Amino acid sequence: MIVYPAIDLKDGRCVRLMHGRFDRVTAYDADPLARLTAFADAGAEWIHVVDLDGAKAGRAVQHGRIATLAGAGKVHIQSGGGVRSEQDVAALIEAGVERVVVGSLAVSSPAIVGGWLERFGPERLTLAVDVRAEGRTWRPALKGWTQAADVDLWTALDRYPPGMARHLLVTDVGRDGALTGPNQALIADIMTRRPDLQVQLSGGVADLADLTAARLAGCAGAVVGRALYEGRFTLEQALAA
C-alpha cells in the first residue's frame, strides 16, 4: 500500500480543511517545496497535491506551483484540483505530474473523462469521488465540495466499466480533516463491488492503526494529511505501518 502524504494548496500555502469547508482552514506551511522535500527525505515515494483554490474556482489556479513541485523531481506526484479540460491534464503531465486527479468531471462528465482515459491511459489518471452520506446511500460532492451530484456513488462508478479506469480515490467528506478514522466500511464495499479498481482511501486517518487496517483490507493507497502535520505519527512510522 502506498502512503500519500498530502499537500493541499490554498493561497500558495499548505493547509488543511475541516470537512471540506473553506471557512474552516488551518494553515501549516508557507513553503510547499520545503514540505515536499521533508516528506521525500523521510522516505515518501509519492505525494498527493491538491489545488484547493482551483477546486473551488472550477479552473486551474495553482498549476504553476504544482509544476514547480513536480519539476523538483524528488518524488512521484499525484495531483488535481481545478482540472477541467484535456489541456489541463496534458499540461500537468508535461510538467512532471505522474497521475492527474480528476474529481468533479469524473462524476458529471464521464464521456469526456473516458476520452481522457483513452488518450492518456488509465495509469496517468486517478478518478476522485468525494462523497457525503445521504440516507442509506452516498452522494458525490462536486466543485470543491460545494455542490451535490445528481447521481449516487454506485451510478457514478458504473459509468466506468471494468478495464476503462484503474485508480480511484475515495474521500468521505464528513471525516476529512477531522481525525475520526477513515470510513473503512465504505472502502471495503467499493472494493467488493469493483475489484478491478486500485482504491485509495482519504479522509479521517488519525493513527497508525488506521493505516494498518487499510493495508490489511487491500487498499492500494491511503492519503494522510492532518495527522502528519499535527505530529500524531511520523511519516517514517506511517510507511512502516
C-alpha atoms as a PDB file:
ATOM      1  CA  MET A   1       0.000   0.000   0.000  1.00  0.00           C
ATOM      2  CA  ILE A   2       1.280   3.458  -0.932  1.00  0.00           C
ATOM      3  CA  VAL A   3       1.142   6.175   1.730  1.00  0.00           C
ATOM      4  CA  TYR A   4       0.476   9.540   0.082  1.00  0.00           C
ATOM      5  CA  PRO A   5       1.377  12.496   2.313  1.00  0.00           C
ATOM      6  CA  ALA A   6      -0.921  15.348   1.335  1.00  0.00           C
ATOM      7  CA  ILE A   7      -0.029  18.867   0.327  1.00  0.00           C
ATOM      8  CA  ASP A   8      -3.216  20.916  -0.037  1.00  0.00           C
ATOM      9  CA  LEU A   9      -2.514  24.324  -1.554  1.00  0.00           C
ATOM     10  CA  LYS A  10      -4.524  27.439  -0.783  1.00  0.00           C
ATOM     11  CA  ASP A  11      -3.135  30.897  -1.486  1.00  0.00           C
ATOM     12  CA  GLY A  12       0.262  29.281  -2.002  1.00  0.00           C
ATOM     13  CA  ARG A  13       0.364  27.709   1.473  1.00  0.00           C
ATOM     14  CA  CYS A  14      -0.025  24.170   2.783  1.00  0.00           C
ATOM     15  CA  VAL A  15      -3.367  23.963   4.598  1.00  0.00           C
ATOM     16  CA  ARG A  16      -5.995  21.503   5.759  1.00  0.00           C
ATOM     17  CA  LEU A  17      -9.745  21.972   5.650  1.00  0.00           C
ATOM     18  CA  MET A  18     -12.223  20.647   8.200  1.00  0.00           C
ATOM     19  CA  HIS A  19     -14.976  18.607   6.498  1.00  0.00           C
ATOM     20  CA  GLY A  20     -14.023  20.216   3.201  1.00  0.00           C
ATOM     21  CA  ARG A  21     -15.183  23.667   4.356  1.00  0.00           C
ATOM     22  CA  PHE A  22     -13.266  26.636   3.031  1.00  0.00           C
ATOM     23  CA  ASP A  23     -14.281  28.682   6.067  1.00  0.00           C
ATOM     24  CA  ARG A  24     -12.509  26.203   8.385  1.00  0.00           C
ATOM     25  CA  VAL A  25      -8.894  26.361   7.239  1.00  0.00           C
ATOM     26  CA  THR A  26      -5.769  25.551   9.225  1.00  0.00           C
ATOM     27  CA  ALA A  27      -2.565  26.843   7.617  1.00  0.00           C
ATOM     28  CA  TYR A  28       0.672  24.951   8.246  1.00  0.00           C
ATOM     29  CA  ASP A  29       3.482  25.836   5.835  1.00  0.00           C
ATOM     30  CA  ALA A  30       4.310  28.889   3.764  1.00  0.00           C
ATOM     31  CA  ASP A  31       6.760  26.907   1.611  1.00  0.00           C
ATOM     32  CA  PRO A  32       5.189  23.860  -0.075  1.00  0.00           C
ATOM     33  CA  LEU A  33       8.506  22.864  -1.684  1.00  0.00           C
ATOM     34  CA  ALA A  34      10.168  22.660   1.735  1.00  0.00           C
ATOM     35  CA  ARG A  35       7.334  20.433   2.935  1.00  0.00           C
ATOM     36  CA  LEU A  36       7.638  18.216  -0.142  1.00  0.00           C
ATOM     37  CA  THR A  37      11.391  17.944   0.394  1.00  0.00           C
ATOM     38  CA  ALA A  38      10.852  16.951   4.027  1.00  0.00           C
ATOM     39  CA  PHE A  39       8.385  14.241   3.002  1.00  0.00           C
ATOM     40  CA  ALA A  40      10.822  12.956   0.370  1.00  0.00           C
ATOM     41  CA  ASP A  41      13.706  12.918   2.851  1.00  0.00           C
ATOM     42  CA  ALA A  42      11.509  10.911   5.249  1.00  0.00           C
ATOM     43  CA  GLY A  43      11.039   8.212   2.623  1.00  0.00           C
ATOM     44  CA  ALA A  44       7.913   9.191   0.700  1.00  0.00           C
ATOM     45  CA  GLU A  45       7.816   7.947  -2.872  1.00  0.00           C
ATOM     46  CA  TRP A  46       4.514   9.645  -3.738  1.00  0.00           C
ATOM     47  CA  ILE A  47       2.908  12.951  -2.717  1.00  0.00           C
ATOM     48  CA  HIS A  48      -0.761  13.881  -3.147  1.00  0.00           C
ATOM     49  CA  VAL A  49      -1.017  17.560  -4.135  1.00  0.00           C
ATOM     50  CA  VAL A  50      -4.330  19.417  -4.383  1.00  0.00           C
ATOM     51  CA  ASP A  51      -5.038  22.867  -5.786  1.00  0.00           C
ATOM     52  CA  LEU A  52      -7.832  23.817  -3.390  1.00  0.00           C
ATOM     53  CA  ASP A  53      -8.243  27.235  -4.975  1.00  0.00           C
ATOM     54  CA  GLY A  54      -8.680  25.544  -8.340  1.00  0.00           C
ATOM     55  CA  ALA A  55     -11.159  23.035  -6.964  1.00  0.00           C
ATOM     56  CA  LYS A  56     -13.301  25.842  -5.595  1.00  0.00           C
ATOM     57  CA  ALA A  57     -12.973  28.105  -8.633  1.00  0.00           C
ATOM     58  CA  GLY A  58     -13.526  25.347 -11.176  1.00  0.00           C
ATOM     59  CA  ARG A  59     -10.366  26.244 -13.086  1.00  0.00           C
ATOM     60  CA  ALA A  60      -6.612  25.858 -12.763  1.00  0.00           C
ATOM     61  CA  VAL A  61      -5.266  28.346 -10.218  1.00  0.00           C
ATOM     62  CA  GLN A  62      -2.047  26.912  -8.798  1.00  0.00           C
ATOM     63  CA  HIS A  63      -0.925  24.599 -11.575  1.00  0.00           C
ATOM     64  CA  GLY A  64       2.225  26.680 -11.955  1.00  0.00           C
ATOM     65  CA  ARG A  65       3.156  26.000  -8.346  1.00  0.00           C
ATOM     66  CA  ILE A  66       2.305  22.319  -8.793  1.00  0.00           C
ATOM     67  CA  ALA A  67       4.582  22.243 -11.836  1.00  0.00           C
ATOM     68  CA  THR A  68       7.373  23.636  -9.661  1.00  0.00           C
ATOM     69  CA  LEU A  69       6.838  20.855  -7.125  1.00  0.00           C
ATOM     70  CA  ALA A  70       6.774  18.205  -9.852  1.00  0.00           C
ATOM     71  CA  GLY A  71       9.813  19.709 -11.506  1.00  0.00           C
ATOM     72  CA  ALA A  72      11.847  19.237  -8.338  1.00  0.00           C
ATOM     73  CA  GLY A  73      11.992  15.550  -9.274  1.00  0.00           C
ATOM     74  CA  LYS A  74      12.169  14.323  -5.685  1.00  0.00           C
ATOM     75  CA  VAL A  75       9.049  12.099  -5.638  1.00  0.00           C
ATOM     76  CA  HIS A  76       6.178  10.926  -7.819  1.00  0.00           C
ATOM     77  CA  ILE A  77       3.273  13.358  -7.682  1.00  0.00           C
ATOM     78  CA  GLN A  78      -0.429  12.666  -7.922  1.00  0.00           C
ATOM     79  CA  SER A  79      -2.219  15.971  -8.285  1.00  0.00           C
ATOM     80  CA  GLY A  80      -5.538  17.582  -9.090  1.00  0.00           C
ATOM     81  CA  GLY A  81      -7.884  20.411  -8.272  1.00  0.00           C
ATOM     82  CA  GLY A  82      -9.321  22.617 -10.972  1.00  0.00           C
ATOM     83  CA  VAL A  83      -8.744  20.056 -13.736  1.00  0.00           C
ATOM     84  CA  ARG A  84     -11.475  20.922 -16.216  1.00  0.00           C
ATOM     85  CA  SER A  85     -10.011  20.267 -19.661  1.00  0.00           C
ATOM     86  CA  GLU A  86      -7.843  17.902 -21.640  1.00  0.00           C
ATOM     87  CA  GLN A  87      -5.328  20.728 -21.845  1.00  0.00           C
ATOM     88  CA  ASP A  88      -5.145  20.839 -18.027  1.00  0.00           C
ATOM     89  CA  VAL A  89      -4.364  17.126 -17.941  1.00  0.00           C
ATOM     90  CA  ALA A  90      -1.750  17.400 -20.663  1.00  0.00           C
ATOM     91  CA  ALA A  91      -0.097  20.425 -19.017  1.00  0.00           C
ATOM     92  CA  LEU A  92       0.237  18.691 -15.663  1.00  0.00           C
ATOM     93  CA  ILE A  93       1.649  15.535 -17.221  1.00  0.00           C
ATOM     94  CA  GLU A  94       4.095  17.597 -19.274  1.00  0.00           C
ATOM     95  CA  ALA A  95       5.118  19.396 -16.072  1.00  0.00           C
ATOM     96  CA  GLY A  96       6.041  16.084 -14.474  1.00  0.00           C
ATOM     97  CA  VAL A  97       2.904  15.047 -12.599  1.00  0.00           C
ATOM     98  CA  GLU A  98       2.759  11.251 -12.654  1.00  0.00           C
ATOM     99  CA  ARG A  99      -1.000  10.907 -12.185  1.00  0.00           C
ATOM    100  CA  VAL A 100      -3.598  13.611 -12.637  1.00  0.00           C
ATOM    101  CA  VAL A 101      -6.571  13.528 -10.287  1.00  0.00           C
ATOM    102  CA  VAL A 102      -9.918  14.240 -11.919  1.00  0.00           C
ATOM    103  CA  GLY A 103     -12.729  14.961  -9.479  1.00  0.00           C
ATOM    104  CA  SER A 104     -15.961  16.726 -10.373  1.00  0.00           C
ATOM    105  CA  LEU A 105     -15.819  15.955 -14.091  1.00  0.00           C
ATOM    106  CA  ALA A 106     -15.298  12.262 -13.363  1.00  0.00           C
ATOM    107  CA  VAL A 107     -18.836  12.297 -11.941  1.00  0.00           C
ATOM    108  CA  SER A 108     -20.566  14.928 -14.066  1.00  0.00           C
ATOM    109  CA  SER A 109     -18.939  14.245 -17.458  1.00  0.00           C
ATOM    110  CA  PRO A 110     -17.932  10.580 -17.702  1.00  0.00           C
ATOM    111  CA  ALA A 111     -17.886  10.614 -21.505  1.00  0.00           C
ATOM    112  CA  ILE A 112     -15.295  13.405 -21.532  1.00  0.00           C
ATOM    113  CA  VAL A 113     -13.158  11.767 -18.854  1.00  0.00           C
ATOM    114  CA  GLY A 114     -13.473   8.442 -20.642  1.00  0.00           C
ATOM    115  CA  GLY A 115     -11.863  10.126 -23.635  1.00  0.00           C
ATOM    116  CA  TRP A 116      -9.006  11.318 -21.453  1.00  0.00           C
ATOM    117  CA  LEU A 117      -8.504   7.796 -20.130  1.00  0.00           C
ATOM    118  CA  GLU A 118      -8.301   6.568 -23.708  1.00  0.00           C
ATOM    119  CA  ARG A 119      -5.811   9.250 -24.718  1.00  0.00           C
ATOM    120  CA  PHE A 120      -3.522   9.289 -21.704  1.00  0.00           C
ATOM    121  CA  GLY A 121      -4.058   5.750 -20.413  1.00  0.00           C
ATOM    122  CA  PRO A 122      -5.537   4.570 -17.112  1.00  0.00           C
ATOM    123  CA  GLU A 123      -2.178   4.754 -15.317  1.00  0.00           C
ATOM    124  CA  ARG A 124      -1.981   8.534 -15.790  1.00  0.00           C
ATOM    125  CA  LEU A 125      -5.359   9.418 -14.282  1.00  0.00           C
ATOM    126  CA  THR A 126      -6.903   8.940 -10.858  1.00  0.00           C
ATOM    127  CA  LEU A 127     -10.666   9.319 -10.608  1.00  0.00           C
ATOM    128  CA  ALA A 128     -11.562  11.083  -7.368  1.00  0.00           C
ATOM    129  CA  VAL A 129     -15.003  10.667  -5.859  1.00  0.00           C
ATOM    130  CA  ASP A 130     -15.676  12.736  -2.750  1.00  0.00           C
ATOM    131  CA  VAL A 131     -18.852  11.605  -1.031  1.00  0.00           C
ATOM    132  CA  ARG A 132     -21.261  12.538   1.717  1.00  0.00           C
ATOM    133  CA  ALA A 133     -23.744  10.220   3.378  1.00  0.00           C
ATOM    134  CA  GLU A 134     -27.302  10.777   2.181  1.00  0.00           C
ATOM    135  CA  GLY A 135     -29.678   8.469   3.940  1.00  0.00           C
ATOM    136  CA  ARG A 136     -28.551   4.932   3.171  1.00  0.00           C
ATOM    137  CA  THR A 137     -26.514   5.853   0.121  1.00  0.00           C
ATOM    138  CA  TRP A 138     -23.554   8.059  -0.799  1.00  0.00           C
ATOM    139  CA  ARG A 139     -23.771  11.216  -2.882  1.00  0.00           C
ATOM    140  CA  PRO A 140     -20.702  12.632  -4.660  1.00  0.00           C
ATOM    141  CA  ALA A 141     -19.794  16.211  -3.795  1.00  0.00           C
ATOM    142  CA  LEU A 142     -18.704  18.438  -6.675  1.00  0.00           C
ATOM    143  CA  LYS A 143     -16.861  21.710  -7.335  1.00  0.00           C
ATOM    144  CA  GLY A 144     -14.756  21.881  -4.213  1.00  0.00           C
ATOM    145  CA  TRP A 145     -17.471  20.067  -2.249  1.00  0.00           C
ATOM    146  CA  THR A 146     -19.882  22.965  -2.692  1.00  0.00           C
ATOM    147  CA  GLN A 147     -22.485  21.070  -4.766  1.00  0.00           C
ATOM    148  CA  ALA A 148     -24.091  17.615  -4.764  1.00  0.00           C
ATOM    149  CA  ALA A 149     -24.189  15.354  -7.819  1.00  0.00           C
ATOM    150  CA  ASP A 150     -27.469  14.218  -9.344  1.00  0.00           C
ATOM    151  CA  VAL A 151     -26.410  10.559  -9.112  1.00  0.00           C
ATOM    152  CA  ASP A 152     -25.248   8.351  -6.253  1.00  0.00           C
ATOM    153  CA  LEU A 153     -21.779   6.854  -5.871  1.00  0.00           C
ATOM    154  CA  TRP A 154     -22.635   3.495  -7.406  1.00  0.00           C
ATOM    155  CA  THR A 155     -24.182   5.020 -10.515  1.00  0.00           C
ATOM    156  CA  ALA A 156     -21.133   7.249 -10.927  1.00  0.00           C
ATOM    157  CA  LEU A 157     -18.800   4.253 -10.772  1.00  0.00           C
ATOM    158  CA  ASP A 158     -20.948   2.191 -13.141  1.00  0.00           C
ATOM    159  CA  ARG A 159     -20.190   4.734 -15.844  1.00  0.00           C
ATOM    160  CA  TYR A 160     -16.600   3.425 -15.857  1.00  0.00           C
ATOM    161  CA  PRO A 161     -16.890  -0.277 -16.710  1.00  0.00           C
ATOM    162  CA  PRO A 162     -14.036  -2.644 -15.814  1.00  0.00           C
ATOM    163  CA  GLY A 163     -10.967  -2.003 -17.921  1.00  0.00           C
ATOM    164  CA  MET A 164     -11.619   1.703 -18.527  1.00  0.00           C
ATOM    165  CA  ALA A 165     -10.125   3.170 -15.331  1.00  0.00           C
ATOM    166  CA  ARG A 166      -7.595   1.820 -12.858  1.00  0.00           C
ATOM    167  CA  HIS A 167      -7.094   4.259  -9.960  1.00  0.00           C
ATOM    168  CA  LEU A 168      -9.890   5.514  -7.697  1.00  0.00           C
ATOM    169  CA  LEU A 169      -9.517   7.914  -4.783  1.00  0.00           C
ATOM    170  CA  VAL A 170     -12.451   7.992  -2.361  1.00  0.00           C
ATOM    171  CA  THR A 171     -12.904  10.656   0.314  1.00  0.00           C
ATOM    172  CA  ASP A 172     -15.621  10.640   2.944  1.00  0.00           C
ATOM    173  CA  VAL A 173     -16.036  14.400   3.235  1.00  0.00           C
ATOM    174  CA  GLY A 174     -17.608  14.077   6.665  1.00  0.00           C
ATOM    175  CA  ARG A 175     -14.371  12.656   8.022  1.00  0.00           C
ATOM    176  CA  ASP A 176     -11.860  14.725   6.087  1.00  0.00           C
ATOM    177  CA  GLY A 177      -9.568  16.683   8.378  1.00  0.00           C
ATOM    178  CA  ALA A 178     -11.492  15.535  11.444  1.00  0.00           C
ATOM    179  CA  LEU A 179      -9.081  12.818  12.698  1.00  0.00           C
ATOM    180  CA  THR A 180     -12.016  10.483  13.372  1.00  0.00           C
ATOM    181  CA  GLY A 181     -10.714   7.496  11.414  1.00  0.00           C
ATOM    182  CA  PRO A 182     -11.400   6.716   7.746  1.00  0.00           C
ATOM    183  CA  ASN A 183     -14.573   5.073   6.532  1.00  0.00           C
ATOM    184  CA  GLN A 184     -13.192   1.546   6.229  1.00  0.00           C
ATOM    185  CA  ALA A 185     -16.656   0.040   5.657  1.00  0.00           C
ATOM    186  CA  LEU A 186     -17.292   2.256   2.631  1.00  0.00           C
ATOM    187  CA  ILE A 187     -13.892   1.436   1.148  1.00  0.00           C
ATOM    188  CA  ALA A 188     -14.464  -2.284   1.695  1.00  0.00           C
ATOM    189  CA  ASP A 189     -17.845  -2.038  -0.029  1.00  0.00           C
ATOM    190  CA  ILE A 190     -16.301  -0.312  -3.039  1.00  0.00           C
ATOM    191  CA  MET A 191     -13.517  -2.872  -3.326  1.00  0.00           C
ATOM    192  CA  THR A 192     -16.057  -5.702  -3.151  1.00  0.00           C
ATOM    193  CA  ARG A 193     -18.190  -4.152  -5.897  1.00  0.00           C
ATOM    194  CA  ARG A 194     -15.262  -3.022  -8.040  1.00  0.00           C
ATOM    195  CA  PRO A 195     -12.290  -5.358  -7.572  1.00  0.00           C
ATOM    196  CA  ASP A 196     -10.875  -4.071 -10.873  1.00  0.00           C
ATOM    197  CA  LEU A 197     -10.027  -0.693  -9.312  1.00  0.00           C
ATOM    198  CA  GLN A 198      -6.986   0.237  -7.256  1.00  0.00           C
ATOM    199  CA  VAL A 199      -8.687   2.077  -4.394  1.00  0.00           C
ATOM    200  CA  GLN A 200      -7.089   4.807  -2.320  1.00  0.00           C
ATOM    201  CA  LEU A 201      -8.802   5.983   0.855  1.00  0.00           C
ATOM    202  CA  SER A 202      -8.788   9.526   2.103  1.00  0.00           C
ATOM    203  CA  GLY A 203     -10.380  11.389   4.960  1.00  0.00           C
ATOM    204  CA  GLY A 204     -10.005  10.885   8.685  1.00  0.00           C
ATOM    205  CA  VAL A 205      -6.746   8.963   9.094  1.00  0.00           C
ATOM    206  CA  ALA A 206      -5.872   9.557  12.741  1.00  0.00           C
ATOM    207  CA  ASP A 207      -3.400   6.889  13.848  1.00  0.00           C
ATOM    208  CA  LEU A 208      -1.175   4.087  12.619  1.00  0.00           C
ATOM    209  CA  ALA A 209      -3.887   1.503  13.223  1.00  0.00           C
ATOM    210  CA  ASP A 210      -5.977   3.194  10.518  1.00  0.00           C
ATOM    211  CA  LEU A 211      -3.176   2.652   8.014  1.00  0.00           C
ATOM    212  CA  THR A 212      -2.577  -0.932   9.067  1.00  0.00           C
ATOM    213  CA  ALA A 213      -6.294  -1.687   8.714  1.00  0.00           C
ATOM    214  CA  ALA A 214      -6.350  -0.135   5.253  1.00  0.00           C
ATOM    215  CA  ARG A 215      -3.363  -2.207   4.153  1.00  0.00           C
ATOM    216  CA  LEU A 216      -4.856  -5.429   5.502  1.00  0.00           C
ATOM    217  CA  ALA A 217      -8.150  -4.634   3.762  1.00  0.00           C
ATOM    218  CA  GLY A 218      -6.356  -4.442   0.423  1.00  0.00           C
ATOM    219  CA  CYS A 219      -6.275  -0.698  -0.199  1.00  0.00           C
ATOM    220  CA  ALA A 220      -3.825   0.362  -2.859  1.00  0.00           C
ATOM    221  CA  GLY A 221      -3.138   3.645  -1.105  1.00  0.00           C
ATOM    222  CA  ALA A 222      -4.015   5.997   1.733  1.00  0.00           C
ATOM    223  CA  VAL A 223      -3.812   9.790   1.705  1.00  0.00           C
ATOM    224  CA  VAL A 224      -2.620  11.219   5.011  1.00  0.00           C
ATOM    225  CA  GLY A 225      -2.763  14.892   5.882  1.00  0.00           C
ATOM    226  CA  ARG A 226      -3.621  16.464   9.214  1.00  0.00           C
ATOM    227  CA  ALA A 227      -2.337  13.557  11.325  1.00  0.00           C
ATOM    228  CA  LEU A 228       1.133  14.102   9.866  1.00  0.00           C
ATOM    229  CA  TYR A 229       1.016  17.884  10.144  1.00  0.00           C
ATOM    230  CA  GLU A 230      -0.048  17.719  13.783  1.00  0.00           C
ATOM    231  CA  GLY A 231       2.503  15.096  14.769  1.00  0.00           C
ATOM    232  CA  ARG A 232       0.213  12.193  15.598  1.00  0.00           C
ATOM    233  CA  PHE A 233       2.813   9.995  13.978  1.00  0.00           C
ATOM    234  CA  THR A 234       5.801  10.471  11.715  1.00  0.00           C
ATOM    235  CA  LEU A 235       5.927   9.660   8.045  1.00  0.00           C
ATOM    236  CA  GLU A 236       8.558   7.039   8.790  1.00  0.00           C
ATOM    237  CA  GLN A 237       6.134   5.341  11.176  1.00  0.00           C
ATOM    238  CA  ALA A 238       3.335   5.581   8.607  1.00  0.00           C
ATOM    239  CA  LEU A 239       5.466   3.947   5.929  1.00  0.00           C
ATOM    240  CA  ALA A 240       6.412   1.169   8.333  1.00  0.00           C
ATOM    241  CA  ALA A 241       2.745   0.561   9.215  1.00  0.00           C
END
